[in-house]
Amino acid sequence: MSRLAKTTEPKALRVLLHTLPFFGQLEHLRMSAQDAFDARQAENLLRGIIENKDDSNDNPKNNDYGND
């Protein structure tokens, strides 16, 4: 479980970013329509969190979430 804070730290964003490739693997697997819809919503929510932090970050150095 996460600890709540006023802002999301870059390391948490990196963890979310690293989960996105797994959603691409679902394209080749059989899923019910409802499960596929729910998975797409989850992916979009995670992308939204990452993109919102990218847009609101004033320091360009902190936008590289792929590096530790």
C-alpha atoms as a PDB file:
ATOM      1  CA  MET A   1       0.000   0.000   0.000  1.00  0.00           C
ATOM      2  CA  SER A   2       1.228   3.479  -0.747  1.00  0.00           C
ATOM      3  CA  ARG A   3       1.748   6.286   1.700  1.00  0.00           C
ATOM      4  CA  LEU A   4      -0.273   9.359   0.826  1.00  0.00           C
ATOM      5  CA  ALA A   5       1.485  12.670   0.257  1.00  0.00           C
ATOM      6  CA  LYS A   6       0.731  16.076  -1.222  1.00  0.00           C
ATOM      7  CA  THR A   7       2.793  15.256  -4.338  1.00  0.00           C
ATOM      8  CA  THR A   8       3.781  12.054  -6.089  1.00  0.00           C
ATOM      9  CA  GLU A   9       7.479  11.344  -5.963  1.00  0.00           C
ATOM     10  CA  PRO A  10       9.346  10.583  -9.211  1.00  0.00           C
ATOM     11  CA  LYS A  11      10.164   7.038  -8.108  1.00  0.00           C
ATOM     12  CA  ALA A  12       6.436   6.232  -7.840  1.00  0.00           C
ATOM     13  CA  LEU A  13       5.934   7.581 -11.353  1.00  0.00           C
ATOM     14  CA  ARG A  14       8.766   5.372 -12.614  1.00  0.00           C
ATOM     15  CA  VAL A  15       7.080   2.315 -11.080  1.00  0.00           C
ATOM     16  CA  LEU A  16       3.825   3.213 -12.831  1.00  0.00           C
ATOM     17  CA  LEU A  17       5.676   3.817 -16.084  1.00  0.00           C
ATOM     18  CA  HIS A  18       7.287   0.381 -15.919  1.00  0.00           C
ATOM     19  CA  THR A  19       3.856  -1.293 -15.701  1.00  0.00           C
ATOM     20  CA  LEU A  20       2.627   0.087 -19.039  1.00  0.00           C
ATOM     21  CA  PRO A  21       4.390  -2.448 -21.320  1.00  0.00           C
ATOM     22  CA  PHE A  22       2.437  -5.258 -19.649  1.00  0.00           C
ATOM     23  CA  PHE A  23      -0.808  -3.828 -21.004  1.00  0.00           C
ATOM     24  CA  GLY A  24       0.544  -4.248 -24.536  1.00  0.00           C
ATOM     25  CA  GLN A  25       0.988  -7.964 -23.899  1.00  0.00           C
ATOM     26  CA  LEU A  26      -2.755  -8.277 -23.342  1.00  0.00           C
ATOM     27  CA  GLU A  27      -3.459  -7.538 -27.006  1.00  0.00           C
ATOM     28  CA  HIS A  28      -2.384 -11.065 -27.948  1.00  0.00           C
ATOM     29  CA  LEU A  29      -4.431 -12.805 -25.265  1.00  0.00           C
ATOM     30  CA  ARG A  30      -8.107 -13.677 -25.159  1.00  0.00           C
ATOM     31  CA  MET A  31     -10.113 -11.640 -22.668  1.00  0.00           C
ATOM     32  CA  SER A  32     -13.788 -11.051 -22.078  1.00  0.00           C
ATOM     33  CA  ALA A  33     -15.128  -7.754 -23.366  1.00  0.00           C
ATOM     34  CA  GLN A  34     -15.635  -6.457 -19.828  1.00  0.00           C
ATOM     35  CA  ASP A  35     -12.128  -7.437 -18.714  1.00  0.00           C
ATOM     36  CA  ALA A  36     -10.591  -5.870 -21.822  1.00  0.00           C
ATOM     37  CA  PHE A  37     -12.555  -2.677 -21.174  1.00  0.00           C
ATOM     38  CA  ASP A  38     -11.476  -2.599 -17.514  1.00  0.00           C
ATOM     39  CA  ALA A  39      -7.828  -3.225 -18.448  1.00  0.00           C
ATOM     40  CA  ARG A  40      -7.932  -0.375 -20.986  1.00  0.00           C
ATOM     41  CA  GLN A  41      -9.430   1.943 -18.359  1.00  0.00           C
ATOM     42  CA  ALA A  42      -6.682   0.995 -15.912  1.00  0.00           C
ATOM     43  CA  GLU A  43      -4.017   1.649 -18.534  1.00  0.00           C
ATOM     44  CA  ASN A  44      -5.532   5.024 -19.381  1.00  0.00           C
ATOM     45  CA  LEU A  45      -5.703   5.998 -15.702  1.00  0.00           C
ATOM     46  CA  LEU A  46      -2.039   5.135 -15.197  1.00  0.00           C
ATOM     47  CA  ARG A  47      -1.046   7.043 -18.340  1.00  0.00           C
ATOM     48  CA  GLY A  48      -3.064  10.006 -17.095  1.00  0.00           C
ATOM     49  CA  ILE A  49      -1.234  10.051 -13.774  1.00  0.00           C
ATOM     50  CA  ILE A  50       2.146   9.933 -15.508  1.00  0.00           C
ATOM     51  CA  GLU A  51       1.268  12.534 -18.140  1.00  0.00           C
ATOM     52  CA  ASN A  52      -0.264  14.942 -15.624  1.00  0.00           C
ATOM     53  CA  LYS A  53       2.915  14.886 -13.575  1.00  0.00           C
ATOM     54  CA  ASP A  54       5.002  15.384 -16.726  1.00  0.00           C
ATOM     55  CA  ASP A  55       2.949  18.449 -17.684  1.00  0.00           C
ATOM     56  CA  SER A  56       2.961  19.979 -14.211  1.00  0.00           C
ATOM     57  CA  ASN A  57       6.662  19.443 -13.550  1.00  0.00           C
ATOM     58  CA  ASP A  58       8.579  22.707 -13.816  1.00  0.00           C
ATOM     59  CA  ASN A  59      12.021  21.090 -13.720  1.00  0.00           C
ATOM     60  CA  PRO A  60      12.915  19.368 -17.025  1.00  0.00           C
ATOM     61  CA  LYS A  61      15.574  17.284 -15.257  1.00  0.00           C
ATOM     62  CA  ASN A  62      12.825  15.461 -13.319  1.00  0.00           C
ATOM     63  CA  ASN A  63      10.903  14.442 -16.440  1.00  0.00           C
ATOM     64  CA  ASP A  64      13.114  11.424 -17.141  1.00  0.00           C
ATOM     65  CA  TYR A  65      11.159   8.790 -15.227  1.00  0.00           C
ATOM     66  CA  GLY A  66      13.008   5.918 -16.884  1.00  0.00           C
ATOM     67  CA  ASN A  67      16.208   6.412 -14.889  1.00  0.00           C
ATOM     68  CA  ASP A  68      16.762   5.754 -11.198  1.00  0.00           C
END
